[in-house]
């Protein structure tokens, strides 16, 4: 399982989970990988943290940590700003980034797990800043359309 985030037009380092992604593993990643990377790359305050509602993401220790770092700027299940269930199409990482990575994987045909990981990490590291910023802007538009449609289908409006 891989995790990647975006801050200020740059991908954060890809984190690879070994074994199951449980609450403890997710919280450790947030504390030791994500938060230090956000602090190192952030150029302003008041960032938002968006995640889906997977059970390991919304346990009390995880949500406490996120709220301690992002205040009320957490978009997730079990937060003030709820993530709509079954809505991966609202995240720029899901609707765009991973699709682009998958296309690169198909073109490159890595032969080993290490080659696959290297390909994903290189792709994230070299992703064009303007393309990432455009993806982020598009996320807001998708969220607004989803809201205007009452959580229903909105892709036909894009």
Protein backbone atom coordinates (compact mmCIF):
# COMPACT_ATOMS: atom_id res chain seq x y z
CA UNK A 1 0.00 0.00 0.00
CA UNK A 2 1.33 3.43 -0.92
CA UNK A 3 0.50 6.87 0.46
CA UNK A 4 1.32 10.24 -1.12
CA UNK A 5 0.22 13.78 -0.39
CA UNK A 6 0.49 17.17 -2.07
CA UNK A 7 1.63 20.46 -0.51
CA UNK A 8 2.34 23.69 -2.39
CA UNK A 9 2.48 22.07 -5.81
CA UNK A 10 4.86 19.31 -4.73
CA UNK A 11 4.26 15.68 -3.87
CA UNK A 12 5.29 14.63 -0.41
CA UNK A 13 7.54 11.57 -0.27
CA UNK A 14 5.74 8.34 -1.12
CA UNK A 15 5.29 6.18 1.96
CA UNK A 16 5.09 2.43 1.52
CA UNK A 17 3.24 0.41 4.14
CA UNK A 18 4.31 -3.14 4.83
CA UNK A 19 1.59 -5.42 6.05
CA UNK A 20 -1.84 -4.17 7.03
CA UNK A 21 -2.60 -0.50 7.32
CA UNK A 22 -4.06 -0.28 10.80
CA UNK A 23 -4.59 2.77 12.98
CA UNK A 24 -1.19 2.45 14.65
CA UNK A 25 0.69 2.23 11.35
CA UNK A 26 -1.28 5.12 9.89
CA UNK A 27 -0.73 7.31 12.95
CA UNK A 28 2.99 6.53 12.95
CA UNK A 29 3.20 7.56 9.30
CA UNK A 30 1.37 10.82 10.04
CA UNK A 31 3.72 11.60 12.93
CA UNK A 32 7.04 10.56 11.41
CA UNK A 33 6.58 11.11 7.67
CA UNK A 34 3.65 13.35 6.82
CA UNK A 35 3.82 16.04 9.47
CA UNK A 36 7.61 16.58 9.18
CA UNK A 37 7.27 16.76 5.37
CA UNK A 38 4.37 19.22 5.58
CA UNK A 39 6.32 21.44 8.00
CA UNK A 40 9.41 21.32 5.77
CA UNK A 41 7.55 22.24 2.57
CA UNK A 42 4.75 24.46 3.76
CA UNK A 43 5.06 28.06 2.67
CA UNK A 44 2.05 29.33 4.59
CA UNK A 45 -0.19 28.43 7.51
CA UNK A 46 -3.77 27.26 7.53
CA UNK A 47 -3.35 24.11 5.45
CA UNK A 48 -6.17 21.63 5.22
CA UNK A 49 -5.76 17.87 5.56
CA UNK A 50 -8.07 15.74 3.44
CA UNK A 51 -8.44 11.99 3.76
CA UNK A 52 -11.05 9.37 3.07
CA UNK A 53 -13.01 7.69 5.82
CA UNK A 54 -11.19 4.36 5.96
CA UNK A 55 -11.49 2.95 9.50
CA UNK A 56 -7.74 3.29 10.34
CA UNK A 57 -7.90 6.97 9.32
CA UNK A 58 -10.65 7.98 11.72
CA UNK A 59 -9.77 6.43 15.07
CA UNK A 60 -9.65 8.76 18.06
CA UNK A 61 -5.81 8.85 18.27
CA UNK A 62 -5.49 9.64 14.55
CA UNK A 63 -8.16 12.34 14.62
CA UNK A 64 -6.69 13.84 17.80
CA UNK A 65 -3.29 14.08 16.11
CA UNK A 66 -4.73 15.62 12.94
CA UNK A 67 -6.74 18.18 14.91
CA UNK A 68 -3.66 19.06 16.98
CA UNK A 69 -1.76 19.89 13.78
CA UNK A 70 -4.49 21.21 11.45
CA UNK A 71 -7.07 22.51 13.92
CA UNK A 72 -10.53 22.48 12.41
CA UNK A 73 -9.08 22.13 8.90
CA UNK A 74 -9.51 18.35 8.60
CA UNK A 75 -11.77 16.91 5.92
CA UNK A 76 -12.61 13.36 6.92
CA UNK A 77 -15.24 11.11 8.35
CA UNK A 78 -15.56 11.88 12.09
CA UNK A 79 -14.63 15.54 11.59
CA UNK A 80 -16.55 18.79 11.35
CA UNK A 81 -15.95 18.78 7.58
CA UNK A 82 -17.17 15.35 6.59
CA UNK A 83 -15.74 13.45 3.66
CA UNK A 84 -18.65 12.19 1.55
CA UNK A 85 -18.81 8.38 1.67
CA UNK A 86 -17.75 6.55 -1.49
CA UNK A 87 -16.26 9.71 -3.03
CA UNK A 88 -12.74 8.98 -4.25
CA UNK A 89 -13.53 11.07 -7.32
CA UNK A 90 -13.24 14.22 -5.17
CA UNK A 91 -9.56 13.74 -4.34
CA UNK A 92 -7.04 14.97 -6.91
CA UNK A 93 -4.80 12.06 -5.95
CA UNK A 94 -7.56 9.59 -6.79
CA UNK A 95 -9.13 11.20 -9.85
CA UNK A 96 -5.86 12.23 -11.47
CA UNK A 97 -2.52 11.39 -9.83
CA UNK A 98 -2.97 7.62 -9.42
CA UNK A 99 -4.47 7.38 -12.92
CA UNK A 100 -1.35 9.03 -14.35
CA UNK A 101 0.92 6.77 -12.27
CA UNK A 102 -0.98 3.70 -13.43
CA UNK A 103 -0.57 4.74 -17.08
CA UNK A 104 3.19 5.16 -16.50
CA UNK A 105 3.37 1.71 -14.88
CA UNK A 106 1.60 0.14 -17.87
CA UNK A 107 4.00 1.88 -20.28
CA UNK A 108 7.13 0.99 -18.29
CA UNK A 109 6.23 -2.57 -17.32
CA UNK A 110 8.36 -2.83 -14.15
CA UNK A 111 9.54 -6.38 -13.52
CA UNK A 112 10.03 -6.26 -9.75
CA UNK A 113 8.38 -4.67 -6.75
CA UNK A 114 11.47 -2.51 -6.27
CA UNK A 115 11.24 -1.25 -9.86
CA UNK A 116 7.56 -0.48 -9.32
CA UNK A 117 8.29 1.48 -6.14
CA UNK A 118 11.13 3.39 -7.82
CA UNK A 119 8.90 4.26 -10.77
CA UNK A 120 6.13 5.60 -8.49
CA UNK A 121 8.60 7.57 -6.36
CA UNK A 122 10.30 9.08 -9.42
CA UNK A 123 6.94 9.97 -10.92
CA UNK A 124 5.83 11.73 -7.72
CA UNK A 125 9.16 13.50 -7.26
CA UNK A 126 9.17 14.80 -10.86
CA UNK A 127 5.50 15.70 -11.20
CA UNK A 128 5.06 19.14 -12.72
CA UNK A 129 4.22 21.78 -10.11
CA UNK A 130 1.67 23.54 -12.30
CA UNK A 131 -0.06 20.25 -13.06
CA UNK A 132 -0.33 19.50 -9.32
CA UNK A 133 -1.68 22.99 -8.63
CA UNK A 134 -4.22 22.57 -11.43
CA UNK A 135 -5.29 19.24 -9.93
CA UNK A 136 -5.79 20.94 -6.55
CA UNK A 137 -7.86 23.73 -8.09
CA UNK A 138 -9.96 21.15 -9.92
CA UNK A 139 -10.59 19.36 -6.62
CA UNK A 140 -12.33 22.43 -5.24
CA UNK A 141 -14.54 22.66 -8.33
CA UNK A 142 -15.44 18.97 -8.06
CA UNK A 143 -16.33 19.38 -4.38
CA UNK A 144 -18.51 22.40 -5.10
CA UNK A 145 -20.33 20.51 -7.88
CA UNK A 146 -20.81 17.50 -5.62
CA UNK A 147 -22.30 19.77 -2.98
CA UNK A 148 -24.59 21.54 -5.45
CA UNK A 149 -25.84 18.14 -6.63
CA UNK A 150 -26.62 17.07 -3.07
CA UNK A 151 -23.87 14.47 -3.09
CA UNK A 152 -25.13 12.95 -6.33
CA UNK A 153 -23.38 12.41 -9.63
CA UNK A 154 -21.74 15.51 -11.02
CA UNK A 155 -19.21 14.27 -13.61
CA UNK A 156 -21.58 15.26 -16.43
CA UNK A 157 -21.17 18.88 -15.28
CA UNK A 158 -17.39 18.95 -15.63
